[in-house]
């Protein structure tokens, strides 16, 4: 079964790095957003299961995006991917509904571990 997901980051390089960090044999259909506003439009389509979300972006940042998702009860799991590794940032996004937090630069093994922990991939994915 194919998992539809969104990678939301204003940096083209970061979007590519995140895409490459996904498990090799995980069947996905990836859509990209450059800011929270674009991501919310994709989420509202109801077609996506998961979003990897950066915190620092123009137009609508990650915190604002999480707030809109929470207020509108939009059906998507969010994993925050950010260079801001302050404990306060991690705690804040979890309170806002993010299921986990991965620090940049992303590590392929860490991504696989988080996805396994939440049952998004099986043990055979690496």
N, C-alpha and C. Protein backbone atom coordinates (compact mmCIF):
# COMPACT_ATOMS: atom_id res chain seq x y z
N UNK A 1 0.84 -1.19 0.00
CA UNK A 1 0.00 0.00 0.00
C UNK A 1 0.88 1.25 0.00
N UNK A 2 0.51 2.21 -0.78
CA UNK A 2 1.29 3.44 -0.90
C UNK A 2 0.85 4.46 0.16
N UNK A 3 1.82 5.04 0.83
CA UNK A 3 1.56 6.08 1.82
C UNK A 3 1.73 7.43 1.14
N UNK A 4 0.70 8.28 1.26
CA UNK A 4 0.78 9.63 0.69
C UNK A 4 1.26 10.58 1.79
N UNK A 5 2.33 11.30 1.48
CA UNK A 5 2.87 12.20 2.49
C UNK A 5 3.30 13.53 1.88
N UNK A 6 3.45 14.50 2.77
CA UNK A 6 3.85 15.85 2.41
C UNK A 6 5.18 16.16 3.09
N UNK A 7 6.09 16.76 2.34
CA UNK A 7 7.31 17.31 2.93
C UNK A 7 7.20 18.82 2.78
N UNK A 8 7.13 19.50 3.92
CA UNK A 8 6.94 20.95 3.92
C UNK A 8 8.17 21.65 4.49
N UNK A 9 8.87 22.36 3.62
CA UNK A 9 10.07 23.10 4.01
C UNK A 9 10.30 24.17 2.95
N UNK A 10 10.71 25.35 3.36
CA UNK A 10 10.95 26.42 2.38
C UNK A 10 12.23 26.21 1.59
N UNK A 11 13.11 25.34 2.06
CA UNK A 11 14.37 25.08 1.38
C UNK A 11 14.25 23.89 0.43
N UNK A 12 14.52 24.14 -0.84
CA UNK A 12 14.48 23.07 -1.83
C UNK A 12 15.47 21.96 -1.46
N UNK A 13 16.66 22.35 -1.00
CA UNK A 13 17.66 21.37 -0.61
C UNK A 13 17.17 20.51 0.56
N UNK A 14 16.54 21.14 1.55
CA UNK A 14 16.02 20.40 2.70
C UNK A 14 14.91 19.44 2.29
N UNK A 15 14.05 19.87 1.34
CA UNK A 15 12.99 18.98 0.86
C UNK A 15 13.60 17.75 0.18
N UNK A 16 14.64 17.97 -0.62
CA UNK A 16 15.31 16.85 -1.30
C UNK A 16 15.99 15.93 -0.29
N UNK A 17 16.66 16.51 0.72
CA UNK A 17 17.33 15.70 1.74
C UNK A 17 16.32 14.85 2.50
N UNK A 18 15.19 15.44 2.84
CA UNK A 18 14.16 14.69 3.56
C UNK A 18 13.62 13.56 2.70
N UNK A 19 13.41 13.83 1.44
CA UNK A 19 12.91 12.82 0.52
C UNK A 19 13.90 11.66 0.41
N UNK A 20 15.19 11.98 0.35
CA UNK A 20 16.22 10.93 0.26
C UNK A 20 16.36 10.15 1.57
N UNK A 21 15.94 10.73 2.68
CA UNK A 21 16.06 10.07 3.98
C UNK A 21 14.93 9.06 4.23
N UNK A 22 13.93 9.05 3.36
CA UNK A 22 12.83 8.09 3.52
C UNK A 22 13.35 6.68 3.24
N UNK A 23 12.81 5.67 3.92
CA UNK A 23 13.26 4.29 3.68
C UNK A 23 13.15 3.92 2.19
N UNK A 24 14.17 3.26 1.68
CA UNK A 24 14.26 2.94 0.25
C UNK A 24 13.08 2.13 -0.28
N UNK A 25 12.65 1.13 0.46
CA UNK A 25 11.60 0.26 -0.06
C UNK A 25 10.21 0.58 0.51
N UNK A 26 10.04 1.79 1.01
CA UNK A 26 8.74 2.25 1.51
C UNK A 26 8.00 2.88 0.34
N UNK A 27 6.85 2.33 0.01
CA UNK A 27 6.08 2.86 -1.12
C UNK A 27 5.38 4.14 -0.71
N UNK A 28 5.82 5.23 -1.30
CA UNK A 28 5.24 6.53 -0.96
C UNK A 28 4.90 7.32 -2.21
N UNK A 29 3.99 8.23 -2.02
CA UNK A 29 3.70 9.25 -3.02
C UNK A 29 3.93 10.57 -2.30
N UNK A 30 4.99 11.27 -2.68
CA UNK A 30 5.42 12.47 -1.95
C UNK A 30 4.98 13.73 -2.68
N UNK A 31 4.37 14.64 -1.93
CA UNK A 31 4.06 15.98 -2.43
C UNK A 31 4.88 16.97 -1.61
N UNK A 32 5.23 18.08 -2.23
CA UNK A 32 6.07 19.07 -1.56
C UNK A 32 5.32 20.38 -1.38
N UNK A 33 5.60 21.05 -0.25
CA UNK A 33 5.04 22.38 0.03
C UNK A 33 6.20 23.26 0.49
N UNK A 34 6.16 24.54 0.10
CA UNK A 34 7.24 25.47 0.45
C UNK A 34 6.94 26.26 1.73
N UNK A 35 5.70 26.19 2.19
CA UNK A 35 5.32 26.89 3.42
C UNK A 35 4.05 26.25 3.97
N UNK A 36 3.67 26.66 5.16
CA UNK A 36 2.50 26.07 5.81
C UNK A 36 1.21 26.28 5.05
N UNK A 37 1.08 27.42 4.39
CA UNK A 37 -0.14 27.70 3.64
C UNK A 37 -0.34 26.66 2.53
N UNK A 38 0.74 26.38 1.78
CA UNK A 38 0.66 25.35 0.73
C UNK A 38 0.36 23.99 1.34
N UNK A 39 0.98 23.69 2.48
CA UNK A 39 0.77 22.40 3.14
C UNK A 39 -0.68 22.23 3.58
N UNK A 40 -1.26 23.28 4.15
CA UNK A 40 -2.66 23.21 4.61
C UNK A 40 -3.59 22.93 3.44
N UNK A 41 -3.34 23.55 2.30
CA UNK A 41 -4.18 23.28 1.12
C UNK A 41 -4.11 21.81 0.74
N UNK A 42 -2.92 21.23 0.79
CA UNK A 42 -2.77 19.81 0.48
C UNK A 42 -3.48 18.95 1.53
N UNK A 43 -3.31 19.29 2.80
CA UNK A 43 -3.93 18.52 3.89
C UNK A 43 -5.45 18.54 3.76
N UNK A 44 -6.00 19.70 3.41
CA UNK A 44 -7.46 19.83 3.29
C UNK A 44 -8.05 18.93 2.21
N UNK A 45 -7.22 18.46 1.27
CA UNK A 45 -7.72 17.55 0.23
C UNK A 45 -8.08 16.19 0.82
N UNK A 46 -7.58 15.91 2.04
CA UNK A 46 -7.90 14.66 2.72
C UNK A 46 -7.18 13.44 2.16
N UNK A 47 -6.20 13.65 1.32
CA UNK A 47 -5.52 12.53 0.66
C UNK A 47 -4.23 12.09 1.35
N UNK A 48 -3.78 12.82 2.35
CA UNK A 48 -2.46 12.56 2.92
C UNK A 48 -2.55 12.01 4.34
N UNK A 49 -1.61 11.11 4.66
CA UNK A 49 -1.57 10.48 5.98
C UNK A 49 -0.54 11.12 6.91
N UNK A 50 0.53 11.66 6.31
CA UNK A 50 1.67 12.09 7.10
C UNK A 50 2.31 13.33 6.49
N UNK A 51 2.81 14.20 7.38
CA UNK A 51 3.55 15.37 6.91
C UNK A 51 4.83 15.52 7.73
N UNK A 52 5.94 15.76 7.04
CA UNK A 52 7.19 16.17 7.66
C UNK A 52 7.21 17.69 7.55
N UNK A 53 7.27 18.38 8.68
CA UNK A 53 7.05 19.83 8.73
C UNK A 53 8.23 20.57 9.35
N UNK A 54 8.77 21.53 8.61
CA UNK A 54 9.80 22.42 9.13
C UNK A 54 9.12 23.48 10.00
N UNK A 55 9.85 24.08 10.92
CA UNK A 55 9.27 25.12 11.78
C UNK A 55 9.48 26.53 11.25
N UNK A 56 10.64 26.80 10.66
CA UNK A 56 10.98 28.16 10.25
C UNK A 56 10.78 28.32 8.75
N UNK A 57 9.68 28.98 8.38
CA UNK A 57 9.34 29.21 6.97
C UNK A 57 8.62 30.54 6.84
N UNK A 58 8.68 31.14 5.65
CA UNK A 58 7.91 32.36 5.41
C UNK A 58 6.43 32.04 5.21
N UNK A 59 5.62 33.05 5.14
CA UNK A 59 4.17 32.99 4.89
C UNK A 59 3.44 32.39 6.09
N UNK A 60 3.62 31.10 6.34
CA UNK A 60 3.03 30.44 7.51
C UNK A 60 4.06 29.45 8.04
N UNK A 61 4.55 29.67 9.27
CA UNK A 61 5.59 28.79 9.81
C UNK A 61 5.00 27.49 10.34
N UNK A 62 5.87 26.63 10.83
CA UNK A 62 5.44 25.32 11.31
C UNK A 62 4.50 25.39 12.50
N UNK A 63 4.75 26.32 13.41
CA UNK A 63 3.87 26.46 14.57
C UNK A 63 2.47 26.88 14.14
N UNK A 64 2.40 27.85 13.24
CA UNK A 64 1.09 28.30 12.73
C UNK A 64 0.39 27.17 11.98
N UNK A 65 1.15 26.38 11.25
CA UNK A 65 0.58 25.26 10.50
C UNK A 65 -0.01 24.23 11.46
N UNK A 66 0.73 23.89 12.51
CA UNK A 66 0.21 22.95 13.51
C UNK A 66 -1.06 23.49 14.17
N UNK A 67 -1.07 24.80 14.42
CA UNK A 67 -2.24 25.43 15.04
C UNK A 67 -3.48 25.28 14.14
N UNK A 68 -3.32 25.53 12.85
CA UNK A 68 -4.44 25.40 11.90
C UNK A 68 -4.91 23.94 11.83
N UNK A 69 -3.97 23.01 11.79
CA UNK A 69 -4.32 21.59 11.75
C UNK A 69 -5.11 21.22 12.99
N UNK A 70 -4.64 21.67 14.15
CA UNK A 70 -5.31 21.35 15.42
C UNK A 70 -6.70 22.00 15.51
N UNK A 71 -6.78 23.29 15.22
CA UNK A 71 -8.05 24.02 15.32
C UNK A 71 -9.12 23.46 14.39
N UNK A 72 -8.69 23.00 13.21
CA UNK A 72 -9.64 22.50 12.22
C UNK A 72 -9.76 20.97 12.24
N UNK A 73 -9.09 20.35 13.22
CA UNK A 73 -9.13 18.89 13.38
C UNK A 73 -8.85 18.18 12.05
N UNK A 74 -7.81 18.62 11.37
CA UNK A 74 -7.46 18.04 10.07
C UNK A 74 -6.76 16.69 10.29
N UNK A 75 -7.16 15.69 9.52
CA UNK A 75 -6.67 14.32 9.74
C UNK A 75 -5.30 14.04 9.12
N UNK A 76 -4.26 14.42 9.82
CA UNK A 76 -2.90 14.13 9.33
C UNK A 76 -1.96 14.00 10.52
N UNK A 77 -1.03 13.05 10.42
CA UNK A 77 0.02 12.92 11.43
C UNK A 77 1.17 13.83 11.01
N UNK A 78 1.75 14.53 11.97
CA UNK A 78 2.83 15.47 11.67
C UNK A 78 4.08 15.10 12.46
N UNK A 79 5.19 15.01 11.73
CA UNK A 79 6.50 14.86 12.34
C UNK A 79 7.27 16.14 12.01
N UNK A 80 7.67 16.86 13.04
CA UNK A 80 8.41 18.10 12.84
C UNK A 80 9.87 17.77 12.56
N UNK A 81 10.43 18.44 11.56
CA UNK A 81 11.84 18.28 11.19
C UNK A 81 12.45 19.67 11.23
N UNK A 82 13.34 19.91 12.20
CA UNK A 82 13.84 21.27 12.39
C UNK A 82 15.26 21.28 12.94
N UNK A 83 15.95 22.37 12.65
CA UNK A 83 17.27 22.60 13.22
C UNK A 83 17.18 23.18 14.62
N UNK A 84 15.98 23.62 15.02
CA UNK A 84 15.76 24.18 16.35
C UNK A 84 15.60 23.03 17.34
N UNK A 85 16.69 22.69 18.02
CA UNK A 85 16.65 21.52 18.90
C UNK A 85 16.44 21.90 20.37
N UNK A 86 15.99 23.12 20.61
CA UNK A 86 15.71 23.54 21.98
C UNK A 86 14.62 22.64 22.58
N UNK A 87 14.78 22.21 23.82
CA UNK A 87 13.75 21.37 24.44
C UNK A 87 12.37 22.04 24.42
N UNK A 88 12.36 23.37 24.52
CA UNK A 88 11.08 24.10 24.52
C UNK A 88 10.37 23.93 23.17
N UNK A 89 11.12 23.95 22.08
CA UNK A 89 10.52 23.79 20.75
C UNK A 89 9.93 22.39 20.62
N UNK A 90 10.68 21.39 21.04
CA UNK A 90 10.23 20.00 20.98
C UNK A 90 8.94 19.82 21.80
N UNK A 91 8.96 20.36 23.01
CA UNK A 91 7.79 20.25 23.90
C UNK A 91 6.58 20.98 23.31
N UNK A 92 6.82 22.16 22.78
CA UNK A 92 5.73 22.97 22.23
C UNK A 92 5.04 22.28 21.05
N UNK A 93 5.82 21.71 20.13
CA UNK A 93 5.20 21.07 18.96
C UNK A 93 4.44 19.81 19.35
N UNK A 94 4.94 19.09 20.35
CA UNK A 94 4.21 17.89 20.82
C UNK A 94 2.87 18.30 21.42
N UNK A 95 2.87 19.39 22.20
CA UNK A 95 1.61 19.88 22.78
C UNK A 95 0.65 20.33 21.69
N UNK A 96 1.20 20.76 20.56
CA UNK A 96 0.37 21.24 19.45
C UNK A 96 -0.09 20.10 18.53
N UNK A 97 0.31 18.87 18.86
CA UNK A 97 -0.20 17.73 18.10
C UNK A 97 0.79 16.99 17.23
N UNK A 98 2.04 17.45 17.16
CA UNK A 98 3.03 16.70 16.38
C UNK A 98 3.31 15.38 17.09
N UNK A 99 3.48 14.31 16.31
CA UNK A 99 3.73 13.01 16.95
C UNK A 99 5.20 12.83 17.32
N UNK A 100 6.09 13.53 16.63
CA UNK A 100 7.51 13.42 16.97
C UNK A 100 8.29 14.59 16.38
N UNK A 101 9.58 14.60 16.68
CA UNK A 101 10.48 15.69 16.30
C UNK A 101 11.79 15.07 15.85
N UNK A 102 12.23 15.40 14.65
CA UNK A 102 13.51 14.93 14.13
C UNK A 102 14.37 16.16 13.87
N UNK A 103 15.62 16.12 14.36
CA UNK A 103 16.48 17.29 14.15
C UNK A 103 17.17 17.22 12.79
N UNK A 104 17.40 18.41 12.23
CA UNK A 104 18.16 18.52 10.99
C UNK A 104 19.64 18.57 11.34
N UNK A 105 20.51 18.09 10.47
CA UNK A 105 20.18 17.41 9.23
C UNK A 105 19.59 16.03 9.51
N UNK A 106 18.66 15.61 8.67
CA UNK A 106 17.97 14.35 8.90
C UNK A 106 18.90 13.17 8.68
N UNK A 107 18.69 12.16 9.50
CA UNK A 107 19.46 10.93 9.44
C UNK A 107 18.50 9.82 9.01
N UNK A 108 18.86 9.10 7.96
CA UNK A 108 18.00 8.06 7.38
C UNK A 108 17.55 7.04 8.44
N UNK A 109 18.47 6.63 9.31
CA UNK A 109 18.14 5.63 10.34
C UNK A 109 17.16 6.20 11.37
N UNK A 110 17.34 7.46 11.75
CA UNK A 110 16.43 8.10 12.71
C UNK A 110 15.03 8.19 12.12
N UNK A 111 14.94 8.54 10.84
CA UNK A 111 13.63 8.63 10.18
C UNK A 111 12.96 7.26 10.20
N UNK A 112 13.70 6.20 9.85
CA UNK A 112 13.14 4.85 9.84
C UNK A 112 12.69 4.44 11.25
N UNK A 113 13.48 4.78 12.26
CA UNK A 113 13.13 4.44 13.64
C UNK A 113 11.83 5.12 14.06
N UNK A 114 11.70 6.40 13.77
CA UNK A 114 10.48 7.13 14.12
C UNK A 114 9.27 6.54 13.39
N UNK A 115 9.43 6.25 12.11
CA UNK A 115 8.32 5.68 11.33
C UNK A 115 7.92 4.30 11.88
N UNK A 116 8.91 3.49 12.27
CA UNK A 116 8.61 2.18 12.87
C UNK A 116 7.90 2.36 14.21
N UNK A 117 8.38 3.29 15.03
CA UNK A 117 7.79 3.52 16.35
C UNK A 117 6.31 3.83 16.27
N UNK A 118 5.88 4.48 15.22
CA UNK A 118 4.47 4.86 15.07
C UNK A 118 3.70 3.93 14.14
N UNK A 119 4.32 2.79 13.79
CA UNK A 119 3.63 1.80 12.97
C UNK A 119 3.42 2.22 11.53
N UNK A 120 4.18 3.20 11.08
CA UNK A 120 4.02 3.69 9.71
C UNK A 120 4.77 2.82 8.70
N UNK A 121 5.78 2.10 9.19
CA UNK A 121 6.48 1.12 8.37
C UNK A 121 6.71 -0.11 9.21
N UNK A 122 6.94 -1.24 8.55
CA UNK A 122 7.26 -2.47 9.26
C UNK A 122 8.75 -2.57 9.51
N UNK A 123 9.15 -3.61 10.19
CA UNK A 123 10.55 -3.81 10.54
C UNK A 123 11.45 -4.08 9.35
N UNK A 124 10.84 -4.48 8.20
CA UNK A 124 11.65 -4.80 7.02
C UNK A 124 12.17 -3.57 6.30
N UNK A 125 11.64 -2.40 6.61
CA UNK A 125 12.07 -1.17 5.95
C UNK A 125 13.32 -0.62 6.63
N UNK A 126 14.26 -0.19 5.80
CA UNK A 126 15.48 0.39 6.38
C UNK A 126 15.89 1.61 5.60
